[in-house]
Protein backbone atom coordinates (compact mmCIF):
# COMPACT_ATOMS: atom_id res chain seq x y z
CA MET A 1 79.33 126.48 52.80
CA LEU A 2 82.97 125.43 53.10
CA ARG A 3 83.98 129.02 53.87
CA CYS A 4 81.34 129.20 56.62
CA ILE A 5 82.72 125.99 58.15
CA ALA A 6 86.25 127.37 57.94
CA ASP A 7 85.14 130.59 59.66
CA ASN A 8 83.82 128.56 62.58
CA LEU A 9 86.88 126.37 63.03
CA THR A 10 89.92 127.27 65.08
CA ASP A 11 93.26 127.56 63.29
CA ASP A 12 94.47 124.07 62.34
CA GLY A 13 90.96 122.66 62.99
CA VAL A 14 90.27 119.50 60.99
CA GLY A 15 87.24 118.04 59.29
CA LEU A 16 85.96 115.31 56.98
CA ILE A 17 84.28 116.09 53.64
CA THR A 18 82.48 113.51 51.48
CA VAL A 19 80.96 114.29 48.09
CA PRO A 20 79.61 112.35 45.07
CA SER A 21 82.36 111.20 42.72
CA LEU A 22 82.32 112.30 39.09
CA GLU A 23 85.43 110.20 38.51
CA TYR A 24 83.44 107.01 39.09
CA ILE A 25 80.69 108.09 36.69
CA LEU A 26 83.14 109.07 33.95
CA GLU A 27 85.10 105.85 34.34
CA TYR A 28 82.02 103.79 33.46
CA ASP A 29 80.21 106.44 31.38
CA GLY A 30 77.15 105.73 33.53
CA TYR A 31 74.90 108.76 33.19
CA TYR A 32 72.19 106.81 35.03
CA GLU A 33 74.40 107.04 38.13
CA LEU A 34 73.62 110.77 38.32
CA ILE A 35 71.19 111.53 41.14
CA ARG A 36 68.91 114.52 40.60
CA ASP A 37 69.21 115.51 44.29
CA HIS A 38 72.97 116.10 43.98
CA ILE A 39 73.66 119.67 42.91
CA ALA A 40 77.27 118.96 41.93
CA TYR A 41 79.73 116.10 41.43
CA TYR A 42 83.49 116.26 42.01
CA THR A 43 86.83 114.81 41.06
CA PHE A 44 89.66 114.84 43.59
CA ASP A 45 91.16 117.73 41.65
CA THR A 46 88.05 119.92 41.79
CA LEU A 47 87.41 118.98 45.42
CA ARG A 48 90.97 119.96 46.36
CA PHE A 49 90.46 123.26 44.52
CA ALA A 50 87.17 123.98 46.33
CA ALA A 51 88.76 123.15 49.70
CA ASP A 52 91.78 125.33 48.93
CA GLN A 53 89.62 128.31 47.95
CA ALA A 54 87.66 127.95 51.19
CA GLY A 55 90.83 128.05 53.27
CA PHE A 56 91.54 124.36 53.80
CA GLU A 57 94.52 122.11 53.19
CA VAL A 58 93.77 118.51 52.14
CA LEU A 59 95.63 116.06 54.37
CA GLU A 60 94.23 112.73 53.16
CA GLU A 61 91.93 111.59 50.36
CA GLU A 62 90.16 108.30 49.69
CA MET A 63 87.55 106.80 47.37
CA VAL A 64 84.72 105.24 49.41
CA ASN A 65 82.27 102.65 48.05
CA ARG A 66 83.41 103.37 44.49
CA ASP A 67 81.17 106.44 44.12
CA THR A 68 82.10 108.80 46.98
CA LEU A 69 85.15 111.01 47.44
CA SER A 70 86.34 111.47 51.01
CA VAL A 71 88.97 113.98 52.15
CA ILE A 72 90.33 115.00 55.53
CA VAL A 73 91.07 118.72 55.62
CA ARG A 74 92.78 121.14 57.98
CA LYS A 75 92.02 124.84 58.23
CA LYS A 76 94.89 127.06 57.18
CA LYS A 77 96.08 129.58 59.71
CA THR A 78 95.08 132.31 57.27
CA ALA A 79 91.80 131.22 55.72
CA LYS A 80 91.93 133.89 53.01
CA GLU A 81 95.42 132.94 51.93
CA ASN A 82 95.69 132.56 48.17
CA THR A 83 97.95 129.67 47.27
CA GLY A 84 97.86 130.41 43.54
CA ARG A 85 96.41 127.03 42.67
CA LYS A 86 95.23 127.10 39.06
CA ASN A 87 91.72 126.17 38.08
CA PRO A 88 91.23 122.42 37.47
CA ASP A 89 91.54 121.28 33.87
CA ARG A 90 88.33 120.75 31.94
CA LEU A 91 87.12 117.14 31.97
CA ASP A 92 86.23 115.13 28.89
CA VAL A 93 82.58 114.08 29.32
CA SER A 94 82.04 112.95 25.71
CA GLY A 95 81.87 109.31 26.81
CA LEU A 96 79.16 110.15 29.31
CA LEU A 97 77.11 111.94 26.64
CA LYS A 98 77.61 109.05 24.21
CA SER A 99 76.43 106.61 26.89
CA ARG A 100 73.31 108.72 27.41
CA VAL A 101 72.49 108.56 23.69
CA ILE A 102 73.17 104.81 23.41
CA ILE A 103 70.99 103.88 26.38
CA ASP A 104 68.21 106.22 25.24
CA GLU A 105 68.19 104.64 21.77
CA GLU A 106 68.28 101.07 23.13
CA LEU A 107 65.39 101.74 25.49
CA LYS A 108 63.37 103.32 22.67
CA ARG A 109 63.91 100.20 20.55
CA LEU A 110 62.91 98.02 23.48
CA VAL A 111 59.69 99.94 24.07
CA ASP A 112 58.84 99.95 20.34
CA GLU A 113 59.43 96.20 20.22
CA LEU A 114 57.29 95.46 23.25
CA GLU A 115 54.51 97.79 22.06
CA SER A 116 54.40 96.16 18.63
CA GLU A 117 53.96 92.76 20.30
CA GLY A 118 51.33 94.02 22.73
CA LYS A 119 53.62 93.41 25.71
CA ASN A 120 54.31 95.48 28.82
CA LEU A 121 57.29 96.18 31.07
CA GLY A 122 58.22 96.37 34.72
CA ILE A 123 61.44 97.72 36.28
CA TRP A 124 63.22 95.98 39.14
CA GLY A 125 65.22 98.30 41.38
CA ALA A 126 63.97 101.44 43.14
CA SER A 127 67.51 102.81 43.15
CA HIS A 128 68.89 106.09 41.91
CA GLN A 129 69.83 104.31 38.67
CA GLY A 130 66.23 103.17 38.15
CA PHE A 131 64.85 106.59 39.08
CA THR A 132 67.18 108.37 36.66
CA LEU A 133 66.33 106.04 33.77
CA ALA A 134 62.60 106.32 34.47
CA SER A 135 62.73 110.12 34.59
CA THR A 136 64.96 110.68 31.53
CA THR A 137 63.95 107.96 29.05
CA VAL A 138 60.79 106.52 27.46
CA ILE A 139 60.48 103.72 30.01
CA GLY A 140 59.18 106.22 32.55
CA ASN A 141 55.99 106.54 30.51
CA PHE A 142 55.86 102.93 29.37
CA ALA A 143 56.67 100.79 32.43
CA ARG A 144 53.83 99.72 34.73
CA TYR A 145 55.74 99.88 38.02
CA ILE A 146 59.07 99.51 39.80
CA ILE A 147 59.63 96.37 41.88
CA ASP A 148 61.77 96.55 45.01
CA SER A 149 62.12 94.08 47.87
CA ALA A 150 62.75 96.80 50.50
CA PRO A 151 59.50 97.27 52.46
CA PHE A 152 60.22 100.94 53.29
CA LYS A 153 60.22 101.80 49.56
CA GLN A 154 57.00 99.97 48.73
CA GLY A 155 53.77 101.95 48.47
CA ARG A 156 55.65 105.07 47.40
CA PHE A 157 56.31 106.62 44.00
CA ALA A 158 59.49 107.24 42.02
CA PRO A 159 60.51 110.90 41.75
CA ALA A 160 59.73 112.66 38.45
CA SER A 161 58.30 109.58 36.67
CA HIS A 162 55.82 108.88 39.51
CA LEU A 163 55.91 105.14 38.83
CA PRO A 164 54.51 103.16 41.77
CA ILE A 165 57.04 101.17 43.78
CA VAL A 166 55.69 97.72 44.60
CA ALA A 167 56.68 94.49 46.32
CA PRO A 168 57.81 91.51 44.17
CA ASP A 169 54.52 89.69 44.84
CA HIS A 170 52.64 92.51 43.10
CA PHE A 171 53.65 90.77 39.87
CA LEU A 172 51.16 88.00 40.69
CA THR A 173 48.23 90.43 40.59
CA GLU A 174 49.53 92.62 37.75
CA PRO A 175 51.94 90.52 35.67
CA VAL A 176 54.21 92.04 33.02
CA ASP A 177 55.84 90.38 30.03
CA ALA A 178 59.33 91.78 30.55
CA ILE A 179 61.34 93.02 33.52
CA LEU A 180 64.31 95.38 33.26
CA ILE A 181 66.72 94.90 36.17
CA VAL A 182 68.40 98.13 37.30
CA ALA A 183 70.21 97.03 40.44
CA PRO A 184 73.97 96.83 39.81
CA GLY A 185 75.61 94.10 41.82
CA TYR A 186 72.41 92.11 42.28
CA THR A 187 71.48 91.34 38.67
CA GLU A 188 72.13 87.58 38.72
CA GLU A 189 70.46 87.14 42.10
CA ILE A 190 67.35 89.04 40.98
CA ALA A 191 67.19 87.22 37.62
CA LYS A 192 67.26 83.88 39.43
CA SER A 193 64.50 85.04 41.78
CA ILE A 194 62.33 86.14 38.82
CA VAL A 195 62.61 82.73 37.18
CA GLU A 196 61.86 80.90 40.43
CA LYS A 197 58.85 83.07 41.38
CA PHE A 198 57.35 84.03 38.04
CA GLY A 199 58.49 81.33 35.63
CA ARG A 200 60.56 81.35 32.47
CA ASN A 201 58.04 83.12 30.26
CA VAL A 202 59.08 86.51 31.60
CA GLU A 203 61.68 88.23 29.44
CA ILE A 204 64.55 89.44 31.64
CA LEU A 205 66.77 92.35 30.67
CA ALA A 206 69.52 94.11 32.58
CA LEU A 207 71.41 97.37 32.38
CA LYS A 208 75.10 96.55 31.94
CA SER A 209 77.47 99.51 31.83
CA ASN A 210 76.20 101.53 28.87
CA HIS A 211 73.96 98.98 27.12
CA LEU A 212 71.05 96.62 27.62
CA GLU A 213 71.55 92.90 27.84
CA ARG A 214 69.01 90.07 27.60
CA ILE A 215 69.48 87.40 30.25
């Protein structure tokens, strides 16, 4: 795709490229940040390499919103020029794999615990983090629904797990005993709202980095 863009630009033509950041995911070992719709993730090094092979020179680079790499590129005068750039070094993803195992085990224990007590679970947050957890761990088969306050998400279903996405007030007609918050940056706000709307008998959990935390 980059080569096609280069072929259609004049010499010294410029452009802006943004891609998902693998650097952000590796920094926090957050496998649940992976979105199934993204075919590939990049570091600045691998993005520079891809741009170079397509015939571009990187002029500026910037991290945007913590999870997106942004680069401004300029087409080389000779697009097929080989600069001799070596392949990027292999990345260490062992922390990411360890995080995947830890979260999977913690969610299994949570489900086993709730099942043994005859309790059920809801998820709060129809985000890519919630979708990834629901589609790759046991909570996708165990949870009743995913709560989200955004009206345009309500009435739909999560990809892969097919959990229904409902409004917060749905809890009043189909209450659950525990709610797992998967909405980074809004955890405290959501936890407060749960207590105010549904009372203190609801067990509140949250995904924090690579582990579960009871609130």
